[in-house]
Protein backbone atom coordinates (compact mmCIF):
# COMPACT_ATOMS: atom_id res chain seq x y z
CA MET A 1 93.75 130.65 85.00
CA ALA A 2 97.28 129.33 84.42
CA ARG A 3 100.58 130.20 86.04
CA PHE A 4 103.65 131.15 84.02
CA ALA A 5 107.32 131.25 84.99
CA TYR A 6 109.13 134.13 83.30
CA ARG A 7 112.56 135.67 82.78
CA ALA A 8 112.63 139.29 81.69
CA LYS A 9 114.93 142.27 81.24
CA LYS A 10 114.24 145.13 83.63
CA GLY A 11 116.96 147.33 82.20
CA PRO A 12 119.97 147.12 79.93
CA ARG A 13 121.79 144.79 82.35
CA GLU A 14 119.35 143.69 85.05
CA GLU A 15 117.42 140.47 84.54
CA VAL A 16 114.54 139.37 86.78
CA SER A 17 112.53 136.15 87.07
CA GLY A 18 109.32 135.17 88.79
CA HIS A 19 105.76 133.92 88.29
CA ILE A 20 102.66 135.54 86.87
CA ASP A 21 99.05 134.35 86.54
CA ALA A 22 97.17 134.86 83.29
CA GLU A 23 94.52 133.26 81.09
CA ASN A 24 97.09 132.42 78.40
CA LYS A 25 100.65 133.11 77.30
CA ASN A 26 99.77 136.22 75.26
CA THR A 27 98.01 137.79 78.25
CA ALA A 28 101.07 137.03 80.40
CA LEU A 29 103.31 138.75 77.84
CA HIS A 30 101.06 141.84 77.78
CA ARG A 31 101.06 142.03 81.58
CA LEU A 32 104.84 141.79 81.76
CA THR A 33 105.19 144.52 79.12
CA ALA A 34 102.74 146.71 81.06
CA MET A 35 104.97 146.24 84.13
CA GLY A 36 107.89 147.75 82.19
CA LEU A 37 109.63 144.43 81.60
CA PHE A 38 111.01 142.97 78.36
CA PRO A 39 110.14 139.22 78.41
CA VAL A 40 112.96 136.83 77.55
CA SER A 41 111.07 133.56 78.19
CA VAL A 42 107.55 132.74 79.44
CA GLU A 43 106.67 129.10 80.16
CA GLU A 44 103.44 127.71 81.62
CA GLU A 45 103.79 125.74 84.85
CA LYS A 46 101.79 122.63 85.62
CA PRO A 47 99.91 122.33 88.94
CA GLU A 48 102.24 121.90 91.90
CA HIS A 49 105.21 122.52 89.58
CA ALA A 50 106.85 124.88 92.04
CA ALA A 51 106.59 122.31 94.80
CA MET A 52 108.35 119.82 92.52
CA HIS A 53 111.22 122.25 92.06
CA ARG A 54 111.67 122.67 95.78
CA ASN A 55 111.55 118.95 96.42
CA PRO A 56 111.95 116.34 93.64
CA PHE A 57 110.10 113.80 95.82
CA ALA A 58 107.08 116.10 96.26
CA ARG A 59 104.98 114.08 93.80
CA PHE A 60 105.18 111.09 96.18
CA LYS A 61 104.13 113.14 99.21
CA LYS A 62 100.62 113.52 100.50
CA VAL A 63 99.21 115.84 103.13
CA ALA A 64 97.60 113.90 105.97
CA ILE A 65 93.90 114.59 106.43
CA ARG A 66 94.60 115.54 110.06
CA ASP A 67 97.10 118.25 109.00
CA LEU A 68 94.67 119.51 106.38
CA SER A 69 91.79 119.73 108.86
CA ILE A 70 94.00 121.64 111.33
CA PHE A 71 95.02 124.08 108.57
CA THR A 72 91.37 124.55 107.53
CA ARG A 73 90.16 125.16 111.09
CA GLN A 74 93.00 127.59 111.86
CA LEU A 75 92.36 129.52 108.62
CA SER A 76 88.68 129.76 109.56
CA ASP A 77 89.55 131.05 113.04
CA LEU A 78 91.96 133.68 111.67
CA LEU A 79 89.44 134.94 109.11
CA GLU A 80 86.71 135.07 111.77
CA ALA A 81 89.08 137.14 113.94
CA GLY A 82 89.18 139.74 111.16
CA LEU A 83 92.55 139.03 109.51
CA PRO A 84 92.76 139.53 105.74
CA LEU A 85 93.17 136.30 103.76
CA VAL A 86 96.77 137.04 102.72
CA ARG A 87 97.77 137.88 106.30
CA ALA A 88 96.06 134.71 107.61
CA LEU A 89 97.90 132.53 105.09
CA THR A 90 101.19 134.24 106.02
CA VAL A 91 100.61 133.38 109.68
CA LEU A 92 99.88 129.74 108.80
CA THR A 93 103.07 129.41 106.76
CA LYS A 94 104.98 130.08 109.98
CA GLN A 95 103.09 127.78 112.35
CA THR A 96 102.19 124.76 110.19
CA GLU A 97 104.27 121.74 111.24
CA SER A 98 104.33 119.91 107.88
CA ARG A 99 107.09 121.35 105.67
CA TYR A 100 105.38 120.15 102.52
CA LEU A 101 102.07 121.76 103.52
CA ARG A 102 103.92 124.95 104.46
CA GLY A 103 105.24 125.18 100.91
CA ILE A 104 101.75 124.75 99.47
CA ILE A 105 100.30 127.41 101.82
CA SER A 106 103.08 129.77 100.75
CA GLU A 107 102.07 129.26 97.11
CA LEU A 108 98.42 129.88 98.01
CA ARG A 109 99.39 133.13 99.68
CA ASP A 110 101.41 134.26 96.65
CA ALA A 111 98.54 133.45 94.29
CA VAL A 112 95.98 135.31 96.44
CA GLN A 113 98.38 138.24 96.78
CA GLU A 114 98.50 138.47 92.99
CA GLY A 115 94.72 138.94 92.94
CA ASN A 116 93.49 135.37 92.37
CA PRO A 117 90.56 133.89 94.32
CA LEU A 118 91.52 131.27 96.90
CA SER A 119 89.48 128.62 95.07
CA GLU A 120 91.56 129.10 91.90
CA ALA A 121 94.77 128.85 93.93
CA LEU A 122 93.51 125.60 95.46
CA GLU A 123 92.81 124.12 92.01
CA ARG A 124 96.57 124.20 91.31
CA HIS A 125 97.07 121.54 94.01
CA PRO A 126 94.53 118.79 93.16
CA LYS A 127 96.47 116.14 95.09
CA THR A 128 96.08 118.11 98.30
CA PHE A 129 92.74 119.87 97.88
CA SER A 130 89.96 117.69 96.49
CA SER A 131 87.20 118.89 94.19
CA LEU A 132 84.93 118.86 97.27
CA TYR A 133 87.26 121.25 99.08
CA THR A 134 87.59 123.57 96.08
CA SER A 135 83.83 123.60 95.36
CA MET A 136 82.96 124.50 98.94
CA VAL A 137 85.57 127.28 99.09
CA LYS A 138 84.22 128.66 95.81
CA SER A 139 80.68 128.67 97.24
CA GLY A 140 81.96 130.42 100.38
CA GLU A 141 83.66 133.11 98.30
CA THR A 142 80.47 133.64 96.27
CA GLY A 143 78.28 133.86 99.38
CA GLY A 144 80.74 135.98 101.39
CA SER A 145 80.95 133.44 104.21
CA LEU A 146 84.35 131.83 103.61
CA GLU A 147 85.18 131.44 107.33
CA ASN A 148 81.91 129.54 107.99
CA VAL A 149 82.48 127.26 104.99
CA LEU A 150 86.03 126.52 106.14
CA LEU A 151 84.73 125.65 109.61
CA ARG A 152 82.23 123.18 108.11
CA LEU A 153 85.00 121.75 105.94
CA ALA A 154 87.22 121.22 108.99
CA GLU A 155 84.40 119.47 110.85
CA PHE A 156 83.69 117.32 107.79
CA GLN A 157 87.36 116.34 107.46
CA GLU A 158 87.57 115.45 111.16
CA THR A 159 84.48 113.25 110.85
CA GLN A 160 85.91 111.50 107.79
CA ASP A 161 89.26 111.01 109.52
CA GLU A 162 87.52 109.46 112.52
CA LEU A 163 85.54 107.15 110.23
CA ASN A 164 88.69 106.06 108.37
CA ASN A 165 90.53 105.49 111.66
CA THR A 166 87.67 103.32 112.91
CA VAL A 167 87.97 101.06 109.86
CA ARG A 168 91.79 100.98 110.10
CA ARG A 169 91.64 99.99 113.78
CA ALA A 170 89.39 97.07 112.88
CA MET A 171 91.98 95.79 110.37
CA ALA A 172 95.16 96.60 112.34
CA TYR A 173 95.06 93.85 115.00
CA PRO A 174 94.19 90.93 112.67
CA ALA A 175 96.78 92.12 110.12
CA LEU A 176 99.51 92.39 112.77
CA MET A 177 98.62 89.04 114.29
CA GLY A 178 98.56 87.37 110.87
CA LEU A 179 101.95 88.88 109.95
CA VAL A 180 103.61 87.79 113.20
CA GLY A 181 102.05 84.34 113.00
CA ALA A 182 103.14 83.85 109.37
CA ALA A 183 106.70 84.94 110.24
CA THR A 184 106.80 82.53 113.20
CA VAL A 185 105.55 79.60 111.13
CA PHE A 186 108.04 80.41 108.35
CA VAL A 187 111.00 80.41 110.79
CA LEU A 188 109.86 77.16 112.42
CA ILE A 189 109.33 75.33 109.14
CA THR A 190 112.40 76.65 107.34
CA PHE A 191 115.08 76.60 110.07
CA VAL A 192 113.95 74.78 113.22
CA ILE A 193 112.12 71.70 111.88
CA PRO A 194 114.93 70.39 109.59
CA LYS A 195 117.50 70.47 112.42
CA ILE A 196 115.25 68.59 114.84
CA VAL A 197 114.06 66.00 112.32
CA SER A 198 117.62 65.32 111.10
CA MET A 199 118.41 63.86 114.55
CA PHE A 200 115.71 61.21 114.14
CA GLN A 201 116.78 60.44 110.58
CA ASP A 202 120.32 59.77 111.82
CA LEU A 203 118.84 57.08 114.07
CA ASN A 204 117.14 55.48 111.04
CA GLN A 205 113.80 55.93 112.74
CA THR A 206 110.67 55.83 110.59
CA LEU A 207 108.96 59.20 110.91
CA PRO A 208 105.20 59.53 111.53
CA LEU A 209 103.00 60.83 108.70
CA PRO A 210 102.44 64.35 110.21
CA THR A 211 106.22 64.74 110.58
CA VAL A 212 106.83 63.60 107.00
CA ILE A 213 104.23 66.10 105.70
CA LEU A 214 105.78 68.91 107.73
CA LEU A 215 109.27 67.95 106.57
CA ASN A 216 108.20 68.00 102.91
CA ILE A 217 106.65 71.44 103.38
CA SER A 218 109.88 72.58 105.03
CA HIS A 219 112.04 71.26 102.16
CA PHE A 220 109.80 72.88 99.57
CA MET A 221 109.90 76.29 101.28
CA ARG A 222 113.67 76.07 101.73
CA ASP A 223 114.55 74.80 98.23
CA PHE A 224 111.79 76.40 96.16
CA TRP A 225 111.19 79.70 97.98
CA TRP A 226 111.73 81.46 94.68
CA VAL A 227 108.66 79.71 93.25
CA LEU A 228 106.55 81.11 96.10
CA ALA A 229 108.09 84.56 95.68
CA GLY A 230 107.47 84.45 91.92
CA ALA A 231 103.88 83.31 92.40
CA CYS A 232 103.24 86.13 94.89
CA PHE A 233 104.77 88.68 92.52
CA LEU A 234 102.73 87.32 89.60
CA LEU A 235 99.52 87.50 91.62
CA TYR A 236 100.30 91.07 92.70
CA PHE A 237 101.18 92.12 89.14
CA THR A 238 98.00 90.53 87.75
CA PHE A 239 95.87 92.13 90.44
CA ALA A 240 97.45 95.55 89.81
CA ARG A 241 96.85 95.25 86.05
CA VAL A 242 93.24 94.16 86.53
CA ALA A 243 92.62 96.94 89.09
CA LYS A 244 93.66 99.56 86.52
CA THR A 245 90.80 98.66 84.20
CA ARG A 246 87.21 99.76 84.81
CA GLU A 247 85.89 96.20 84.45
CA GLY A 248 88.56 94.91 86.84
CA ARG A 249 87.72 97.50 89.49
CA LEU A 250 84.03 96.68 89.17
CA LEU A 251 84.75 92.96 89.65
CA ILE A 252 87.06 93.56 92.63
CA ASP A 253 84.69 96.00 94.34
CA LYS A 254 81.70 93.76 93.70
CA THR A 255 83.60 90.87 95.30
CA LYS A 256 84.41 93.05 98.31
CA LEU A 257 80.72 93.88 98.81
CA SER A 258 79.81 90.16 98.71
CA ILE A 259 82.16 89.24 101.59
CA PRO A 260 80.12 88.62 104.78
CA ILE A 261 80.40 91.38 107.41
CA LEU A 262 83.35 93.05 105.63
CA GLY A 263 81.10 93.84 102.66
CA GLN A 264 78.55 95.43 104.98
CA LEU A 265 81.30 97.51 106.58
CA ILE A 266 82.47 98.80 103.18
CA LEU A 267 78.88 99.52 102.06
CA ARG A 268 77.95 101.41 105.23
CA ALA A 269 81.17 103.43 105.28
CA GLU A 270 80.69 104.43 101.62
CA ILE A 271 77.04 105.42 102.11
CA ALA A 272 77.97 107.45 105.21
CA ARG A 273 80.67 109.25 103.17
CA PHE A 274 78.27 109.80 100.27
CA ALA A 275 75.50 111.25 102.45
CA ARG A 276 77.71 113.50 104.57
CA THR A 277 79.64 114.87 101.59
CA LEU A 278 76.47 115.59 99.61
CA SER A 279 74.77 117.25 102.59
CA THR A 280 77.84 119.42 103.22
CA LEU A 281 77.92 120.61 99.61
CA LEU A 282 74.18 121.27 99.40
CA ASN A 283 74.31 123.11 102.73
CA ASN A 284 76.82 125.52 101.22
CA GLY A 285 74.71 126.33 98.19
CA VAL A 286 76.37 124.05 95.63
CA PRO A 287 73.80 122.98 92.97
CA ILE A 288 72.79 119.34 93.26
CA LEU A 289 74.20 118.28 89.86
CA GLU A 290 77.57 119.82 90.62
CA ALA A 291 77.47 118.39 94.16
CA LEU A 292 76.75 114.88 92.82
CA THR A 293 79.68 115.18 90.40
CA VAL A 294 82.00 116.07 93.27
CA VAL A 295 80.66 113.23 95.45
CA ILE A 296 81.07 110.67 92.67
CA ASN A 297 84.71 111.70 92.21
CA ILE A 298 85.56 111.01 95.87
CA MET A 299 83.71 107.68 96.15
CA GLU A 300 86.01 104.67 96.40
CA ASN A 301 83.83 101.66 95.56
CA GLU A 302 83.37 101.42 91.79
CA VAL A 303 80.04 99.55 92.03
CA LEU A 304 78.44 102.24 94.20
CA LYS A 305 80.08 104.92 92.07
CA GLU A 306 78.36 103.50 88.96
CA GLU A 307 74.99 103.59 90.72
CA ALA A 308 75.64 107.20 91.77
CA ARG A 309 76.53 108.08 88.15
CA ALA A 310 73.26 106.55 86.98
CA ALA A 311 71.38 108.58 89.62
CA HIS A 312 73.19 111.72 88.42
CA LYS A 313 71.89 111.10 84.89
CA GLU A 314 68.38 110.56 86.25
CA VAL A 315 68.51 113.87 88.15
CA MET A 316 69.87 115.60 85.05
CA SER A 317 66.87 114.35 83.06
CA GLY A 318 64.44 115.70 85.68
CA SER A 319 63.98 112.68 87.95
CA SER A 320 64.43 112.70 91.73
CA LEU A 321 67.62 111.61 93.46
CA ALA A 322 65.73 108.95 95.43
CA GLY A 323 64.27 107.57 92.20
CA GLY A 324 67.70 107.45 90.57
CA LEU A 325 69.35 105.68 93.51
CA GLY A 326 66.38 103.32 93.87
CA LYS A 327 67.13 101.81 90.45
CA GLY A 328 70.44 100.51 91.76
CA ALA A 329 70.89 97.30 93.74
CA HIS A 330 73.10 98.43 96.62
CA PHE A 331 71.67 101.64 98.11
CA PRO A 332 69.31 100.39 100.87
CA VAL A 333 65.57 101.16 100.91
CA PHE A 334 66.06 103.16 104.12
CA VAL A 335 68.44 105.53 102.33
CA ASN A 336 66.11 105.99 99.36
CA ASN A 337 63.09 106.59 101.60
CA MET A 338 64.93 109.17 103.70
CA ILE A 339 66.12 111.01 100.58
CA ALA A 340 62.60 110.89 99.09
CA VAL A 341 61.13 112.41 102.27
CA GLY A 342 63.86 115.06 102.28
CA GLU A 343 63.18 115.98 98.65
CA GLU A 344 59.42 116.21 99.22
CA SER A 345 59.79 118.35 102.36
CA GLY A 346 62.53 120.56 100.92
CA ALA A 347 64.98 119.47 103.63
CA LEU A 348 67.26 117.13 101.69
CA GLU A 349 70.37 118.35 103.56
CA LYS A 350 68.89 117.38 106.94
CA ALA A 351 67.80 113.98 105.63
CA LEU A 352 71.31 113.31 104.34
CA VAL A 353 72.84 114.31 107.69
CA LYS A 354 70.52 111.83 109.46
CA ILE A 355 71.52 109.11 106.99
CA SER A 356 75.24 109.79 107.52
CA MET A 357 74.89 109.78 111.32
CA SER A 358 72.89 106.55 111.22
CA TYR A 359 75.38 104.78 109.00
CA GLU A 360 78.38 106.06 110.94
CA ARG A 361 76.87 104.41 114.02
CA GLU A 362 76.34 101.25 111.96
CA VAL A 363 80.00 101.36 110.92
CA ASP A 364 81.05 101.49 114.58
CA LYS A 365 78.83 98.49 115.38
CA THR A 366 80.11 96.52 112.38
CA VAL A 367 83.71 97.27 113.33
CA ASP A 368 83.07 96.00 116.86
CA LEU A 369 81.44 92.85 115.47
CA LEU A 370 84.23 92.29 112.95
CA THR A 371 86.90 92.75 115.61
CA SER A 372 85.16 90.41 118.06
CA LEU A 373 84.95 87.71 115.36
CA LEU A 374 88.37 88.17 113.78
CA GLU A 375 90.38 88.01 117.00
CA PRO A 376 89.22 84.52 118.11
CA LEU A 377 89.27 83.33 114.48
CA MET A 378 92.89 84.41 114.07
CA ILE A 379 93.84 82.86 117.41
CA LEU A 380 92.10 79.59 116.47
CA THR A 381 93.76 79.46 113.04
CA MET A 382 97.24 80.17 114.40
CA GLY A 383 96.65 77.73 117.24
CA LEU A 384 95.78 74.94 114.80
CA ILE A 385 98.85 75.60 112.66
CA ILE A 386 101.24 75.86 115.61
CA GLY A 387 99.57 72.85 117.22
CA PHE A 388 100.12 70.75 114.08
CA ILE A 389 103.79 71.78 114.00
CA VAL A 390 104.28 70.93 117.70
CA ILE A 391 102.54 67.54 117.34
CA ALA A 392 104.62 66.72 114.24
CA MET A 393 107.78 67.53 116.21
CA LEU A 394 106.78 65.60 119.36
CA LEU A 395 105.49 62.40 117.72
CA PRO A 396 109.00 61.09 116.83
CA ILE A 397 110.11 61.76 120.40
CA PHE A 398 107.19 59.78 121.80
CA GLU A 399 107.90 56.89 119.43
CA LEU A 400 111.59 56.96 120.32
CA SER A 401 110.83 56.83 124.04
CA PHE A 402 108.35 54.00 123.44
CA ILE A 403 111.00 51.98 121.55
CA ALA A 404 113.53 52.65 124.31
CA ARG A 405 111.19 51.04 126.84
């Protein structure tokens, strides 16, 4: 169902405007006429069009997963307390902290008030509510247990947020240390080294080889910084262009999976997300083919996504999910065996939950291992670079003092 913005005559002089939901433009015109209005203009709005009108920068905004999980849990609590859906959404428009999310909730309330299901209202905001979210809400509406589905959704989002935060924490310290170290080295080489070395050159002293190397690096960075900047920009532009193609994404994601330790972290995090998402959908009555389609859409690694697509085709042709995933090269034997046991026993959802819990624990262990290795490695690398700079600066001083003796 689409949404149309209209202007219409209510009387000889009065003109009104607003929004109306209908299957197509002709239906919208009939509805307006039935309301006693004379349509002047009726234009279809694109999803999140109203939010764009309120804020021209809305397309660049994104609702944080934490805010979305709080909204979902609060909506579940209000519905469980017996509030009608429209009243619950009205309450949330007043107490939600994010202004952008408040605007979206207000639009949801208006759409539901006009007689549309919540799932259809959610589909108008695909950037905020994923296909997983919409599919689960639709299943909750069909089964008459919307508040329970929303509660499971909130718990799922909180688990995913915790998993993402775990991976981010593993990357934060090395990234910060590398950035600070690179900035320090850049300042030393570009500004400090030339001033110190110039003193020895004024004395016509022959500089040691490490000092000469460091001085050449310093001159290059000072005089040809634009070459470095251009090379960085070219690399970024090339990477961005390659990443937009399917073949490029496959190559990049395959390279990521081949990196020691980091590849295992990516693989385990993706399998944990795959298993938990699929179990959540199946638990709420979503058919397995539709559930797999939703899961594939939210997967991030293109290599694993291709294997999941192949498994989806196998299931569509009558094969088992375990058999379809087993034909790929990256889903571990443990995962396939657990899924096979779950399919044979009729408890696939429970098997997927066990897989997700197991791999979430593995993610935590891999993050701890990665952090314990990266920290000393970064310290050693920066120590060697700074040590070389210090030695290159001190060697002329030692030689000068030796000559003075």
